[in-house]
Amino acid sequence: MEFLSSSIAAFLLTFLGMMLLIGEMLVKLRGFSGLLGFGFILLYFGTHLTTFNLVIMSSLYLVALLLIIIDGKVLNDGTLSFIGLTMMLVIIGLTTPSWITGIYGVIGVILGTLCSFLFLKVFPKRNMWDRITLFDRLSTEAGYNSINNKYEQLKNKQGVALTDLRPVGTIRIDNEEFSAVSNGKWIPRNKKIVVNHVDGTKILVDEVEN
């Protein structure tokens, strides 16, 4: 029990607890990680609190955890997650009679939360915070058109520079005006240009040599 009340133990318990708890929210671990993580947090509370205070702090911690889950599943704007994490930091910091031990506990919460994102590299992810952090690539293979078809069709077409391209300016191709970038050269207005590359809606052009 003497070791459990030390600063190092406070760091380890909160680090492992938060890493497993947040990891459970991010990836599909069938609840085992979440139960084990909350067990570490309960052990942290039980080491420093009486039974009555243990119930109070554990309940507040669950409320903070619930706020994070609601934000990830429903709101997706990060507000409740910020409030929940702030509550956790305050609860962990105020649990111990020693402010040094409390700081170690707070550091464990922060580092554990950050390390939980490593779970995404190993396990299948849950649909949490998808509207905030877009994990899927918007690729053509996934059913998305990564390049505007209209701009893609401009490749190798010729037109005229309506303004000086230094290197950005306006060009006209097939009676339509586009913003374009010269390939590192200053192209005067009224010069003929040719589109040599299209990157999304960015058009790169060269001057047509007479």
Protein backbone atom coordinates (compact mmCIF):
# COMPACT_ATOMS: atom_id res chain seq x y z
CA MET A 1 0.00 0.00 0.00
CA GLU A 2 2.91 2.36 0.59
CA PHE A 3 3.89 2.13 -3.08
CA LEU A 4 0.30 2.77 -4.23
CA SER A 5 0.27 6.06 -2.34
CA SER A 6 3.48 7.26 -4.00
CA SER A 7 3.71 9.78 -6.84
CA ILE A 8 5.02 7.16 -9.28
CA ALA A 9 2.04 4.90 -8.58
CA ALA A 10 -0.32 7.85 -9.06
CA PHE A 11 1.19 8.48 -12.47
CA LEU A 12 1.08 4.82 -13.52
CA LEU A 13 -2.52 4.26 -12.38
CA THR A 14 -3.91 7.38 -14.06
CA PHE A 15 -1.81 6.85 -17.18
CA LEU A 16 -2.95 3.26 -17.68
CA GLY A 17 -6.51 4.10 -16.65
CA MET A 18 -6.94 6.95 -19.13
CA MET A 19 -5.11 5.19 -21.94
CA LEU A 20 -7.40 2.17 -21.67
CA LEU A 21 -10.59 4.20 -21.08
CA ILE A 22 -10.13 6.61 -24.00
CA GLY A 23 -8.75 3.75 -26.08
CA GLU A 24 -12.02 1.91 -25.53
CA MET A 25 -13.90 4.90 -26.94
CA LEU A 26 -11.67 5.16 -29.99
CA VAL A 27 -11.46 1.51 -31.01
CA LYS A 28 -13.54 -1.65 -30.69
CA LEU A 29 -12.21 -3.63 -27.72
CA ARG A 30 -15.49 -5.22 -26.52
CA GLY A 31 -15.47 -3.30 -23.24
CA PHE A 32 -12.53 -5.13 -21.67
CA SER A 33 -10.18 -2.17 -22.02
CA GLY A 34 -12.74 0.22 -20.54
CA LEU A 35 -13.38 -1.97 -17.49
CA LEU A 36 -9.68 -2.45 -16.87
CA GLY A 37 -9.01 1.27 -17.28
CA PHE A 38 -11.75 2.25 -14.85
CA GLY A 39 -10.37 -0.33 -12.44
CA PHE A 40 -7.03 1.48 -12.42
CA ILE A 41 -8.80 4.78 -11.74
CA LEU A 42 -10.81 3.21 -8.90
CA LEU A 43 -7.58 1.86 -7.40
CA TYR A 44 -6.15 5.38 -7.56
CA PHE A 45 -9.20 6.78 -5.76
CA GLY A 46 -9.30 3.95 -3.22
CA THR A 47 -5.68 4.53 -2.27
CA HIS A 48 -6.22 8.17 -1.31
CA LEU A 49 -9.90 8.47 -0.31
CA THR A 50 -12.28 7.22 2.33
CA THR A 51 -15.22 5.07 1.22
CA PHE A 52 -17.65 8.01 1.20
CA ASN A 53 -15.35 10.27 -0.80
CA LEU A 54 -14.51 7.36 -3.08
CA VAL A 55 -18.17 7.06 -4.08
CA ILE A 56 -18.46 10.81 -4.71
CA MET A 57 -15.29 11.13 -6.77
CA SER A 58 -16.02 7.97 -8.76
CA SER A 59 -19.50 9.25 -9.58
CA LEU A 60 -18.14 12.60 -10.73
CA TYR A 61 -15.53 10.81 -12.83
CA LEU A 62 -18.26 8.74 -14.48
CA VAL A 63 -20.19 11.93 -15.25
CA ALA A 64 -17.09 13.39 -16.91
CA LEU A 65 -16.67 10.16 -18.86
CA LEU A 66 -20.30 10.27 -19.95
CA LEU A 67 -19.86 13.83 -21.25
CA ILE A 68 -17.00 12.66 -23.47
CA ILE A 69 -19.06 9.74 -24.80
CA ILE A 70 -22.07 11.99 -25.56
CA ASP A 71 -19.83 14.43 -27.38
CA GLY A 72 -18.19 11.70 -29.45
CA LYS A 73 -21.45 9.96 -30.35
CA VAL A 74 -23.97 12.81 -30.62
CA LEU A 75 -22.65 16.39 -30.66
CA ASN A 76 -19.22 15.98 -32.29
CA ASP A 77 -18.16 19.55 -31.58
CA GLY A 78 -15.59 18.89 -28.85
CA THR A 79 -17.22 21.10 -26.19
CA LEU A 80 -18.43 18.36 -23.86
CA SER A 81 -15.19 16.44 -24.34
CA PHE A 82 -13.23 19.48 -23.21
CA ILE A 83 -15.47 19.89 -20.17
CA GLY A 84 -15.24 16.19 -19.36
CA LEU A 85 -11.44 16.09 -19.61
CA THR A 86 -11.16 19.25 -17.52
CA MET A 87 -13.37 17.66 -14.85
CA MET A 88 -11.15 14.58 -14.86
CA LEU A 89 -8.00 16.64 -14.39
CA VAL A 90 -9.54 18.56 -11.49
CA ILE A 91 -10.88 15.40 -9.84
CA ILE A 92 -7.57 13.56 -10.17
CA GLY A 93 -5.61 16.55 -8.93
CA LEU A 94 -7.79 17.08 -5.85
CA THR A 95 -7.95 13.42 -4.84
CA THR A 96 -4.58 13.20 -3.10
CA PRO A 97 -3.55 15.12 0.03
CA SER A 98 -0.15 15.81 -1.55
CA TRP A 99 -0.12 18.34 -4.38
CA ILE A 100 2.99 16.69 -5.85
CA THR A 101 1.21 13.35 -6.09
CA GLY A 102 -1.78 15.13 -7.58
CA ILE A 103 0.40 16.68 -10.29
CA TYR A 104 1.81 13.26 -11.15
CA GLY A 105 -1.76 12.01 -11.44
CA VAL A 106 -2.72 14.89 -13.74
CA ILE A 107 0.32 14.24 -15.94
CA GLY A 108 -0.73 10.59 -16.14
CA VAL A 109 -4.20 11.60 -17.35
CA ILE A 110 -2.78 13.86 -20.07
CA LEU A 111 -0.16 11.40 -21.34
CA GLY A 112 -2.57 8.48 -21.11
CA THR A 113 -5.12 10.34 -23.23
CA LEU A 114 -2.51 11.14 -25.87
CA CYS A 115 -1.16 7.57 -25.96
CA SER A 116 -4.69 6.17 -26.38
CA PHE A 117 -4.64 7.38 -29.99
CA LEU A 118 -1.97 4.77 -30.71
CA PHE A 119 -4.77 2.19 -30.46
CA LEU A 120 -6.04 3.48 -33.81
CA LYS A 121 -2.97 2.02 -35.51
CA VAL A 122 -3.77 -1.50 -34.29
CA PHE A 123 -7.50 -1.97 -33.72
CA PRO A 124 -10.61 -1.14 -35.81
CA LYS A 125 -11.92 2.30 -34.88
CA ARG A 126 -15.31 3.28 -33.56
CA ASN A 127 -17.46 6.00 -35.14
CA MET A 128 -16.50 8.67 -32.62
CA TRP A 129 -15.77 12.31 -33.51
CA ASP A 130 -15.93 11.49 -37.23
CA ARG A 131 -17.26 14.95 -38.02
CA ILE A 132 -14.34 16.62 -36.24
CA THR A 133 -11.40 14.48 -37.33
CA LEU A 134 -11.84 12.88 -40.71
CA PHE A 135 -9.94 9.60 -40.59
CA ASP A 136 -11.11 8.32 -43.99
CA ARG A 137 -9.36 9.49 -47.14
CA LEU A 138 -11.65 11.09 -49.66
CA SER A 139 -10.17 9.14 -52.52
CA THR A 140 -11.49 8.05 -55.88
CA GLU A 141 -11.24 4.43 -54.75
CA ALA A 142 -13.55 5.18 -51.80
CA GLY A 143 -16.19 6.63 -54.12
CA TYR A 144 -15.12 10.27 -53.99
CA ASN A 145 -13.92 12.36 -56.92
CA SER A 146 -10.62 13.79 -55.72
CA ILE A 147 -10.17 16.10 -58.73
CA ASN A 148 -12.78 18.37 -60.20
CA ASN A 149 -13.63 16.75 -63.56
CA LYS A 150 -14.12 20.11 -65.21
CA TYR A 151 -10.61 21.19 -64.31
CA GLU A 152 -9.13 17.81 -65.15
CA GLN A 153 -10.40 18.16 -68.72
CA LEU A 154 -8.31 21.31 -69.15
CA LYS A 155 -5.08 19.33 -69.34
CA ASN A 156 -3.09 20.04 -72.53
CA LYS A 157 -5.63 22.63 -73.70
CA GLN A 158 -4.47 25.99 -75.04
CA GLY A 159 -5.82 29.39 -74.17
CA VAL A 160 -4.78 32.99 -73.62
CA ALA A 161 -3.57 34.94 -70.60
CA LEU A 162 -6.08 37.69 -69.76
CA THR A 163 -3.73 39.20 -67.17
CA ASP A 164 -0.03 39.03 -66.46
CA LEU A 165 0.82 35.77 -64.68
CA ARG A 166 3.39 36.77 -62.02
CA PRO A 167 2.98 33.86 -61.38
CA VAL A 168 -0.77 33.98 -60.57
CA GLY A 169 -3.28 35.45 -62.97
CA THR A 170 -6.38 34.85 -65.08
CA ILE A 171 -6.58 32.83 -68.26
CA ARG A 172 -9.31 32.06 -70.81
CA ILE A 173 -9.88 28.62 -72.27
CA ASP A 174 -12.91 27.79 -74.47
CA ASN A 175 -14.50 31.16 -73.59
CA GLU A 176 -14.27 30.43 -69.84
CA GLU A 177 -12.06 32.25 -67.36
CA PHE A 178 -9.92 30.45 -64.79
CA SER A 179 -7.36 31.38 -62.18
CA ALA A 180 -4.00 29.85 -63.07
CA VAL A 181 -0.37 29.74 -61.99
CA SER A 182 2.56 29.97 -64.39
CA ASN A 183 5.26 27.35 -64.05
CA GLY A 184 7.80 29.64 -62.39
CA LYS A 185 7.81 32.20 -65.22
CA TRP A 186 6.26 35.61 -65.80
CA ILE A 187 3.81 35.29 -68.68
CA PRO A 188 2.58 38.64 -70.10
CA ARG A 189 -1.09 39.19 -70.89
CA ASN A 190 -2.47 38.18 -74.29
CA LYS A 191 0.17 35.46 -74.62
CA LYS A 192 -0.94 31.98 -75.60
CA ILE A 193 -0.71 29.42 -72.82
CA VAL A 194 -1.11 25.66 -72.48
CA VAL A 195 -2.25 23.76 -69.39
CA ASN A 196 0.45 21.27 -68.40
CA HIS A 197 -0.85 20.13 -65.01
CA VAL A 198 -4.02 20.22 -62.89
CA ASP A 199 -3.96 19.57 -59.13
CA GLY A 200 -7.52 19.71 -57.84
CA THR A 201 -8.60 23.19 -58.87
CA LYS A 202 -5.03 24.49 -59.21
CA ILE A 203 -4.11 25.02 -62.88
CA LEU A 204 -0.45 25.17 -63.91
CA VAL A 205 0.31 26.67 -67.31
CA ASP A 206 3.24 27.33 -69.62
CA GLU A 207 3.63 29.91 -72.34
CA VAL A 208 3.24 28.55 -75.84
CA GLU A 209 6.41 29.25 -77.76
CA ASN A 210 5.97 30.69 -81.24
